[in-house]
Structures are given as structure tokens and as C-alpha cells.
PDB file of all heavy atoms in Angstrom:
ATOM      1  N   GLY A   1      68.567  60.317 -15.282  1.00  0.00           N
ATOM      2  CA  GLY A   1      68.384  60.757 -13.903  1.00  0.00           C
ATOM      3  C   GLY A   1      67.329  61.832 -13.755  1.00  0.00           C
ATOM      4  O   GLY A   1      66.935  62.177 -12.643  1.00  0.00           O
ATOM      5  N   LYS A   2      66.872  62.381 -14.878  1.00  0.00           N
ATOM      6  CA  LYS A   2      65.840  63.422 -14.826  1.00  0.00           C
ATOM      7  C   LYS A   2      64.447  62.804 -14.755  1.00  0.00           C
ATOM      8  O   LYS A   2      64.211  61.741 -15.309  1.00  0.00           O
ATOM      9  CB  LYS A   2      65.933  64.318 -16.062  1.00  0.00           C
ATOM     10  CG  LYS A   2      67.156  65.213 -16.100  1.00  0.00           C
ATOM     11  CD  LYS A   2      67.091  66.138 -17.304  1.00  0.00           C
ATOM     12  CE  LYS A   2      68.256  67.115 -17.311  1.00  0.00           C
ATOM     13  NZ  LYS A   2      68.200  68.034 -18.485  1.00  0.00           N
ATOM     14  N   ALA A   3      63.538  63.488 -14.071  1.00  0.00           N
ATOM     15  CA  ALA A   3      62.140  63.069 -14.045  1.00  0.00           C
ATOM     16  C   ALA A   3      61.464  63.654 -15.277  1.00  0.00           C
ATOM     17  O   ALA A   3      61.559  64.854 -15.543  1.00  0.00           O
ATOM     18  CB  ALA A   3      61.464  63.555 -12.774  1.00  0.00           C
ATOM     19  N   LEU A   4      60.799  62.812 -16.058  1.00  0.00           N
ATOM     20  CA  LEU A   4      60.188  63.236 -17.316  1.00  0.00           C
ATOM     21  C   LEU A   4      58.695  62.940 -17.327  1.00  0.00           C
ATOM     22  O   LEU A   4      58.226  62.022 -16.657  1.00  0.00           O
ATOM     23  CB  LEU A   4      60.866  62.519 -18.489  1.00  0.00           C
ATOM     24  CG  LEU A   4      62.379  62.738 -18.638  1.00  0.00           C
ATOM     25  CD1 LEU A   4      62.938  61.840 -19.725  1.00  0.00           C
ATOM     26  CD2 LEU A   4      62.682  64.201 -18.942  1.00  0.00           C
ATOM     27  N   THR A   5      57.959  63.724 -18.100  1.00  0.00           N
ATOM     28  CA  THR A   5      56.518  63.520 -18.218  1.00  0.00           C
ATOM     29  C   THR A   5      56.228  62.399 -19.221  1.00  0.00           C
ATOM     30  O   THR A   5      57.099  62.003 -20.010  1.00  0.00           O
ATOM     31  CB  THR A   5      55.811  64.796 -18.698  1.00  0.00           C
ATOM     32  OG1 THR A   5      56.254  65.089 -20.033  1.00  0.00           O
ATOM     33  CG2 THR A   5      56.112  65.966 -17.777  1.00  0.00           C
ATOM     34  N   ALA A   6      54.992  61.924 -19.199  1.00  0.00           N
ATOM     35  CA  ALA A   6      54.580  60.882 -20.149  1.00  0.00           C
ATOM     36  C   ALA A   6      54.719  61.375 -21.585  1.00  0.00           C
ATOM     37  O   ALA A   6      55.110  60.621 -22.474  1.00  0.00           O
ATOM     38  CB  ALA A   6      53.143  60.460 -19.863  1.00  0.00           C
ATOM     39  N   ARG A   7      54.417  62.637 -21.811  1.00  0.00           N
ATOM     40  CA  ARG A   7      54.528  63.194 -23.158  1.00  0.00           C
ATOM     41  C   ARG A   7      55.987  63.211 -23.623  1.00  0.00           C
ATOM     42  O   ARG A   7      56.287  62.879 -24.783  1.00  0.00           O
ATOM     43  CB  ARG A   7      53.945  64.620 -23.198  1.00  0.00           C
ATOM     44  CG  ARG A   7      53.890  65.221 -24.591  1.00  0.00           C
ATOM     45  CD  ARG A   7      53.125  66.545 -24.571  1.00  0.00           C
ATOM     46  NE  ARG A   7      51.725  66.330 -24.214  1.00  0.00           N
ATOM     47  CZ  ARG A   7      50.792  65.959 -25.059  1.00  0.00           C
ATOM     48  NH1 ARG A   7      51.099  65.726 -26.340  1.00  0.00           N
ATOM     49  NH2 ARG A   7      49.539  65.811 -24.664  1.00  0.00           N
ATOM     50  N   GLU A   8      56.886  63.609 -22.738  1.00  0.00           N
ATOM     51  CA  GLU A   8      58.311  63.621 -23.087  1.00  0.00           C
ATOM     52  C   GLU A   8      58.809  62.204 -23.363  1.00  0.00           C
ATOM     53  O   GLU A   8      59.581  61.967 -24.303  1.00  0.00           O
ATOM     54  CB  GLU A   8      59.120  64.255 -21.951  1.00  0.00           C
ATOM     55  CG  GLU A   8      58.915  65.754 -21.812  1.00  0.00           C
ATOM     56  CD  GLU A   8      59.516  66.320 -20.554  1.00  0.00           C
ATOM     57  OE1 GLU A   8      59.511  65.621 -19.505  1.00  0.00           O
ATOM     58  OE2 GLU A   8      59.995  67.469 -20.589  1.00  0.00           O
ATOM     59  N   LEU A   9      58.345  61.262 -22.561  1.00  0.00           N
ATOM     60  CA  LEU A   9      58.769  59.873 -22.739  1.00  0.00           C
ATOM     61  C   LEU A   9      58.142  59.257 -23.986  1.00  0.00           C
ATOM     62  O   LEU A   9      58.729  58.369 -24.607  1.00  0.00           O
ATOM     63  CB  LEU A   9      58.428  59.065 -21.491  1.00  0.00           C
ATOM     64  CG  LEU A   9      59.285  59.424 -20.272  1.00  0.00           C
ATOM     65  CD1 LEU A   9      58.703  58.811 -19.005  1.00  0.00           C
ATOM     66  CD2 LEU A   9      60.718  58.972 -20.467  1.00  0.00           C
ATOM     67  N   ALA A  10      56.957  59.729 -24.363  1.00  0.00           N
ATOM     68  CA  ALA A  10      56.334  59.268 -25.599  1.00  0.00           C
ATOM     69  C   ALA A  10      57.207  59.639 -26.795  1.00  0.00           C
ATOM     70  O   ALA A  10      57.375  58.846 -27.736  1.00  0.00           O
ATOM     71  CB  ALA A  10      54.942  59.883 -25.748  1.00  0.00           C
ATOM     72  N   CYS A  11      57.791  60.839 -26.757  1.00  0.00           N
ATOM     73  CA  CYS A  11      58.691  61.273 -27.831  1.00  0.00           C
ATOM     74  C   CYS A  11      59.934  60.397 -27.872  1.00  0.00           C
ATOM     75  O   CYS A  11      60.405  60.019 -28.952  1.00  0.00           O
ATOM     76  CB  CYS A  11      59.085  62.731 -27.630  1.00  0.00           C
ATOM     77  SG  CYS A  11      57.727  63.902 -27.854  1.00  0.00           S
ATOM     78  N   GLU A  12      60.467  60.056 -26.699  1.00  0.00           N
ATOM     79  CA  GLU A  12      61.656  59.203 -26.628  1.00  0.00           C
ATOM     80  C   GLU A  12      61.372  57.815 -27.186  1.00  0.00           C
ATOM     81  O   GLU A  12      62.235  57.194 -27.818  1.00  0.00           O
ATOM     82  CB  GLU A  12      62.137  59.081 -25.177  1.00  0.00           C
ATOM     83  CG  GLU A  12      62.685  60.362 -24.573  1.00  0.00           C
ATOM     84  CD  GLU A  12      64.056  60.720 -25.105  1.00  0.00           C
ATOM     85  OE1 GLU A  12      64.714  59.842 -25.702  1.00  0.00           O
ATOM     86  OE2 GLU A  12      64.460  61.890 -24.940  1.00  0.00           O
ATOM     87  N   ALA A  13      60.163  57.322 -26.929  1.00  0.00           N
ATOM     88  CA  ALA A  13      59.809  55.962 -27.346  1.00  0.00           C
ATOM     89  C   ALA A  13      59.168  55.921 -28.731  1.00  0.00           C
ATOM     90  O   ALA A  13      58.912  54.830 -29.251  1.00  0.00           O
ATOM     91  CB  ALA A  13      58.864  55.345 -26.326  1.00  0.00           C
ATOM     92  N   ALA A  14      58.919  57.094 -29.305  1.00  0.00           N
ATOM     93  CA  ALA A  14      58.277  57.194 -30.623  1.00  0.00           C
ATOM     94  C   ALA A  14      56.907  56.516 -30.628  1.00  0.00           C
ATOM     95  O   ALA A  14      56.566  55.767 -31.539  1.00  0.00           O
ATOM     96  CB  ALA A  14      59.176  56.608 -31.709  1.00  0.00           C
ATOM     97  N   VAL A  15      56.123  56.788 -29.579  1.00  0.00           N
ATOM     98  CA  VAL A  15      54.760  56.267 -29.486  1.00  0.00           C
ATOM     99  C   VAL A  15      53.834  57.417 -29.102  1.00  0.00           C
ATOM    100  O   VAL A  15      54.287  58.512 -28.758  1.00  0.00           O
ATOM    101  CB  VAL A  15      54.651  55.131 -28.437  1.00  0.00           C
ATOM    102  CG1 VAL A  15      55.493  53.936 -28.847  1.00  0.00           C
ATOM    103  CG2 VAL A  15      55.056  55.628 -27.042  1.00  0.00           C
ATOM    104  N   THR A  16      52.535  57.181 -29.132  1.00  0.00           N
ATOM    105  CA  THR A  16      51.573  58.207 -28.726  1.00  0.00           C
ATOM    106  C   THR A  16      51.618  58.380 -27.210  1.00  0.00           C
ATOM    107  O   THR A  16      52.096  57.499 -26.477  1.00  0.00           O
ATOM    108  CB  THR A  16      50.145  57.827 -29.137  1.00  0.00           C
ATOM    109  OG1 THR A  16      49.751  56.657 -28.402  1.00  0.00           O
ATOM    110  CG2 THR A  16      50.062  57.560 -30.627  1.00  0.00           C
ATOM    111  N   ALA A  17      51.125  59.510 -26.741  1.00  0.00           N
ATOM    112  CA  ALA A  17      51.088  59.775 -25.299  1.00  0.00           C
ATOM    113  C   ALA A  17      50.250  58.729 -24.574  1.00  0.00           C
ATOM    114  O   ALA A  17      50.584  58.302 -23.464  1.00  0.00           O
ATOM    115  CB  ALA A  17      50.538  61.171 -25.041  1.00  0.00           C
ATOM    116  N   GLN A  18      49.154  58.311 -25.201  1.00  0.00           N
ATOM    117  CA  GLN A  18      48.281  57.307 -24.594  1.00  0.00           C
ATOM    118  C   GLN A  18      49.009  55.967 -24.455  1.00  0.00           C
ATOM    119  O   GLN A  18      48.915  55.308 -23.418  1.00  0.00           O
ATOM    120  CB  GLN A  18      47.027  57.126 -25.443  1.00  0.00           C
ATOM    121  CG  GLN A  18      46.000  56.177 -24.839  1.00  0.00           C
ATOM    122  CD  GLN A  18      44.737  56.077 -25.681  1.00  0.00           C
ATOM    123  OE1 GLN A  18      44.653  56.636 -26.766  1.00  0.00           O
ATOM    124  NE2 GLN A  18      43.744  55.365 -25.179  1.00  0.00           N
ATOM    125  N   THR A  19      49.764  55.583 -25.484  1.00  0.00           N
ATOM    126  CA  THR A  19      50.514  54.332 -25.436  1.00  0.00           C
ATOM    127  C   THR A  19      51.623  54.421 -24.394  1.00  0.00           C
ATOM    128  O   THR A  19      51.873  53.463 -23.641  1.00  0.00           O
ATOM    129  CB  THR A  19      51.122  54.017 -26.813  1.00  0.00           C
ATOM    130  OG1 THR A  19      50.066  53.885 -27.766  1.00  0.00           O
ATOM    131  CG2 THR A  19      51.927  52.732 -26.780  1.00  0.00           C
ATOM    132  N   ALA A  20      52.282  55.573 -24.316  1.00  0.00           N
ATOM    133  CA  ALA A  20      53.339  55.764 -23.327  1.00  0.00           C
ATOM    134  C   ALA A  20      52.778  55.631 -21.915  1.00  0.00           C
ATOM    135  O   ALA A  20      53.409  55.023 -21.040  1.00  0.00           O
ATOM    136  CB  ALA A  20      53.998  57.125 -23.508  1.00  0.00           C
ATOM    137  N   SER A  21      51.598  56.193 -21.689  1.00  0.00           N
ATOM    138  CA  SER A  21      50.972  56.097 -20.369  1.00  0.00           C
ATOM    139  C   SER A  21      50.681  54.648 -19.991  1.00  0.00           C
ATOM    140  O   SER A  21      50.855  54.248 -18.837  1.00  0.00           O
ATOM    141  CB  SER A  21      49.675  56.914 -20.345  1.00  0.00           C
ATOM    142  OG  SER A  21      49.941  58.290 -20.473  1.00  0.00           O
ATOM    143  N   ALA A  22      50.249  53.848 -20.978  1.00  0.00           N
ATOM    144  CA  ALA A  22      49.982  52.431 -20.718  1.00  0.00           C
ATOM    145  C   ALA A  22      51.273  51.701 -20.359  1.00  0.00           C
ATOM    146  O   ALA A  22      51.308  50.884 -19.426  1.00  0.00           O
ATOM    147  CB  ALA A  22      49.345  51.795 -21.951  1.00  0.00           C
ATOM    148  N   HIS A  23      52.346  52.005 -21.083  1.00  0.00           N
ATOM    149  CA  HIS A  23      53.636  51.384 -20.783  1.00  0.00           C
ATOM    150  C   HIS A  23      54.126  51.807 -19.386  1.00  0.00           C
ATOM    151  O   HIS A  23      54.644  50.993 -18.615  1.00  0.00           O
ATOM    152  CB  HIS A  23      54.680  51.799 -21.825  1.00  0.00           C
ATOM    153  CG  HIS A  23      54.534  51.088 -23.136  1.00  0.00           C
ATOM    154  ND1 HIS A  23      54.455  49.716 -23.244  1.00  0.00           N
ATOM    155  CD2 HIS A  23      54.487  51.564 -24.412  1.00  0.00           C
ATOM    156  CE1 HIS A  23      54.357  49.377 -24.515  1.00  0.00           C
ATOM    157  NE2 HIS A  23      54.362  50.479 -25.241  1.00  0.00           N
ATOM    158  N   LEU A  24      53.954  53.078 -19.071  1.00  0.00           N
ATOM    159  CA  LEU A  24      54.419  53.593 -17.780  1.00  0.00           C
ATOM    160  C   LEU A  24      53.648  52.961 -16.628  1.00  0.00           C
ATOM    161  O   LEU A  24      54.223  52.700 -15.565  1.00  0.00           O
ATOM    162  CB  LEU A  24      54.286  55.116 -17.749  1.00  0.00           C
ATOM    163  CG  LEU A  24      55.357  55.847 -18.570  1.00  0.00           C
ATOM    164  CD1 LEU A  24      54.945  57.292 -18.829  1.00  0.00           C
ATOM    165  CD2 LEU A  24      56.705  55.800 -17.849  1.00  0.00           C
ATOM    166  N   SER A  25      52.366  52.710 -16.819  1.00  0.00           N
ATOM    167  CA  SER A  25      51.573  52.037 -15.777  1.00  0.00           C
ATOM    168  C   SER A  25      52.148  50.656 -15.472  1.00  0.00           C
ATOM    169  O   SER A  25      52.244  50.243 -14.309  1.00  0.00           O
ATOM    170  CB  SER A  25      50.116  51.906 -16.229  1.00  0.00           C
ATOM    171  OG  SER A  25      49.500  53.170 -16.332  1.00  0.00           O
ATOM    172  N   LYS A  26      52.551  49.950 -16.517  1.00  0.00           N
ATOM    173  CA  LYS A  26      53.143  48.619 -16.325  1.00  0.00           C
ATOM    174  C   LYS A  26      54.494  48.718 -15.625  1.00  0.00           C
ATOM    175  O   LYS A  26      54.825  47.897 -14.759  1.00  0.00           O
ATOM    176  CB  LYS A  26      53.301  47.921 -17.674  1.00  0.00           C
ATOM    177  CG  LYS A  26      51.980  47.536 -18.319  1.00  0.00           C
ATOM    178  CD  LYS A  26      52.192  46.846 -19.662  1.00  0.00           C
ATOM    179  CE  LYS A  26      50.857  46.460 -20.288  1.00  0.00           C
ATOM    180  NZ  LYS A  26      51.035  45.798 -21.602  1.00  0.00           N
ATOM    181  N   LEU A  27      55.288  49.721 -15.979  1.00  0.00           N
ATOM    182  CA  LEU A  27      56.603  49.895 -15.369  1.00  0.00           C
ATOM    183  C   LEU A  27      56.496  50.300 -13.901  1.00  0.00           C
ATOM    184  O   LEU A  27      57.297  49.884 -13.068  1.00  0.00           O
ATOM    185  CB  LEU A  27      57.410  50.935 -16.151  1.00  0.00           C
ATOM    186  CG  LEU A  27      57.841  50.515 -17.559  1.00  0.00           C
ATOM    187  CD1 LEU A  27      58.433  51.699 -18.315  1.00  0.00           C
ATOM    188  CD2 LEU A  27      58.840  49.364 -17.495  1.00  0.00           C
ATOM    189  N   VAL A  28      55.494  51.112 -13.588  1.00  0.00           N
ATOM    190  CA  VAL A  28      55.244  51.493 -12.188  1.00  0.00           C
ATOM    191  C   VAL A  28      54.788  50.273 -11.394  1.00  0.00           C
ATOM    192  O   VAL A  28      55.273  50.018 -10.285  1.00  0.00           O
ATOM    193  CB  VAL A  28      54.200  52.626 -12.110  1.00  0.00           C
ATOM    194  CG1 VAL A  28      53.745  52.833 -10.664  1.00  0.00           C
ATOM    195  CG2 VAL A  28      54.773  53.920 -12.674  1.00  0.00           C
ATOM    196  N   GLU A  29      53.875  49.510 -11.972  1.00  0.00           N
ATOM    197  CA  GLU A  29      53.376  48.306 -11.310  1.00  0.00           C
ATOM    198  C   GLU A  29      54.506  47.297 -11.089  1.00  0.00           C
ATOM    199  O   GLU A  29      54.552  46.615 -10.066  1.00  0.00           O
ATOM    200  CB  GLU A  29      52.279  47.668 -12.159  1.00  0.00           C
ATOM    201  CG  GLU A  29      51.618  46.451 -11.495  1.00  0.00           C
ATOM    202  CD  GLU A  29      50.534  45.842 -12.369  1.00  0.00           C
ATOM    203  OE1 GLU A  29      50.201  46.427 -13.414  1.00  0.00           O
ATOM    204  OE2 GLU A  29      50.019  44.770 -11.995  1.00  0.00           O
ATOM    205  N   GLY A  30      55.433  47.233 -12.038  1.00  0.00           N
ATOM    206  CA  GLY A  30      56.566  46.319 -11.928  1.00  0.00           C
ATOM    207  C   GLY A  30      57.693  46.853 -11.071  1.00  0.00           C
ATOM    208  O   GLY A  30      58.744  46.214 -10.949  1.00  0.00           O
ATOM    209  N   LYS A  31      57.528  48.038 -10.502  1.00  0.00           N
ATOM    210  CA  LYS A  31      58.491  48.665  -9.595  1.00  0.00           C
ATOM    211  C   LYS A  31      59.841  48.968 -10.253  1.00  0.00           C
ATOM    212  O   LYS A  31      60.885  48.955  -9.613  1.00  0.00           O
ATOM    213  CB  LYS A  31      58.692  47.804  -8.336  1.00  0.00           C
ATOM    214  CG  LYS A  31      57.411  47.620  -7.541  1.00  0.00           C
ATOM    215  CD  LYS A  31      57.633  46.818  -6.275  1.00  0.00           C
ATOM    216  CE  LYS A  31      56.318  46.672  -5.507  1.00  0.00           C
ATOM    217  NZ  LYS A  31      56.468  45.856  -4.273  1.00  0.00           N
ATOM    218  N   LEU A  32      59.771  49.265 -11.547  1.00  0.00           N
ATOM    219  CA  LEU A  32      60.962  49.728 -12.250  1.00  0.00           C
ATOM    220  C   LEU A  32      60.985  51.253 -12.337  1.00  0.00           C
ATOM    221  O   LEU A  32      62.044  51.857 -12.477  1.00  0.00           O
ATOM    222  CB  LEU A  32      61.012  49.140 -13.667  1.00  0.00           C
ATOM    223  CG  LEU A  32      61.177  47.623 -13.772  1.00  0.00           C
ATOM    224  CD1 LEU A  32      61.200  47.197 -15.232  1.00  0.00           C
ATOM    225  CD2 LEU A  32      62.436  47.161 -13.064  1.00  0.00           C
ATOM    226  N   VAL A  33      59.800  51.841 -12.240  1.00  0.00           N
ATOM    227  CA  VAL A  33      59.642  53.293 -12.374  1.00  0.00           C
ATOM    228  C   VAL A  33      58.727  53.799 -11.268  1.00  0.00           C
ATOM    229  O   VAL A  33      57.807  53.094 -10.839  1.00  0.00           O
ATOM    230  CB  VAL A  33      59.061  53.636 -13.766  1.00  0.00           C
ATOM    231  CG1 VAL A  33      58.578  55.077 -13.835  1.00  0.00           C
ATOM    232  CG2 VAL A  33      60.095  53.384 -14.858  1.00  0.00           C
ATOM    233  N   SER A  34      58.997  55.017 -10.807  1.00  0.00           N
ATOM    234  CA  SER A  34      58.112  55.675  -9.837  1.00  0.00           C
ATOM    235  C   SER A  34      57.732  57.047 -10.405  1.00  0.00           C
ATOM    236  O   SER A  34      58.276  57.476 -11.431  1.00  0.00           O
ATOM    237  CB  SER A  34      58.799  55.842  -8.485  1.00  0.00           C
ATOM    238  OG  SER A  34      59.940  56.671  -8.600  1.00  0.00           O
ATOM    239  N   PHE A  35      56.793  57.733  -9.757  1.00  0.00           N
ATOM    240  CA  PHE A  35      56.405  59.054 -10.247  1.00  0.00           C
ATOM    241  C   PHE A  35      56.004  59.959  -9.095  1.00  0.00           C
ATOM    242  O   PHE A  35      55.649  59.509  -8.000  1.00  0.00           O
ATOM    243  CB  PHE A  35      55.248  58.953 -11.245  1.00  0.00           C
ATOM    244  CG  PHE A  35      53.933  58.514 -10.632  1.00  0.00           C
ATOM    245  CD1 PHE A  35      53.060  59.443 -10.086  1.00  0.00           C
ATOM    246  CD2 PHE A  35      53.579  57.169 -10.591  1.00  0.00           C
ATOM    247  CE1 PHE A  35      51.850  59.045  -9.515  1.00  0.00           C
ATOM    248  CE2 PHE A  35      52.388  56.762 -10.029  1.00  0.00           C
ATOM    249  CZ  PHE A  35      51.518  57.695  -9.490  1.00  0.00           C
ATOM    250  N   ASN A  36      56.094  61.266  -9.371  1.00  0.00           N
ATOM    251  CA  ASN A  36      55.592  62.291  -8.465  1.00  0.00           C
ATOM    252  C   ASN A  36      54.604  63.149  -9.240  1.00  0.00           C
ATOM    253  O   ASN A  36      54.843  63.478 -10.412  1.00  0.00           O
ATOM    254  CB  ASN A  36      56.738  63.178  -7.948  1.00  0.00           C
ATOM    255  CG  ASN A  36      57.624  62.445  -6.967  1.00  0.00           C
ATOM    256  OD1 ASN A  36      57.126  61.770  -6.062  1.00  0.00           O
ATOM    257  ND2 ASN A  36      58.930  62.556  -7.137  1.00  0.00           N
ATOM    258  N   ALA A  37      53.493  63.470  -8.603  1.00  0.00           N
ATOM    259  CA  ALA A  37      52.480  64.303  -9.247  1.00  0.00           C
ATOM    260  C   ALA A  37      52.710  65.764  -8.907  1.00  0.00           C
ATOM    261  O   ALA A  37      53.011  66.111  -7.762  1.00  0.00           O
ATOM    262  CB  ALA A  37      51.089  63.869  -8.809  1.00  0.00           C
ATOM    263  N   SER A  38      52.609  66.619  -9.923  1.00  0.00           N
ATOM    264  CA  SER A  38      52.728  68.066  -9.719  1.00  0.00           C
ATOM    265  C   SER A  38      51.701  68.747 -10.613  1.00  0.00           C
ATOM    266  O   SER A  38      51.857  68.768 -11.842  1.00  0.00           O
ATOM    267  CB  SER A  38      54.142  68.546 -10.067  1.00  0.00           C
ATOM    268  OG  SER A  38      54.251  69.941  -9.899  1.00  0.00           O
TER     269      SER A  38
END
């Protein structure tokens, strides 16, 4: 339920930050994930 950064999610997924960002782009496009910029 917490909003997490790409870097934090990269640690969870055991991938690089760049790879996590690519995965997150697909999840956002697929409407499974949303984000807020700060």
C-alpha cells in the first residue's frame, strides 16, 4: 500500500534501477501501476 521509488522497487526485484524503470513503464502502460511525481 506504500508508494515506492524505482530505486526501492529495484531492490525488491533484485534488478538494476534502469531495469526496474523499464518494468515500471510497462506496468504503468498496462494500468496496473500509477505514479506521482515529487
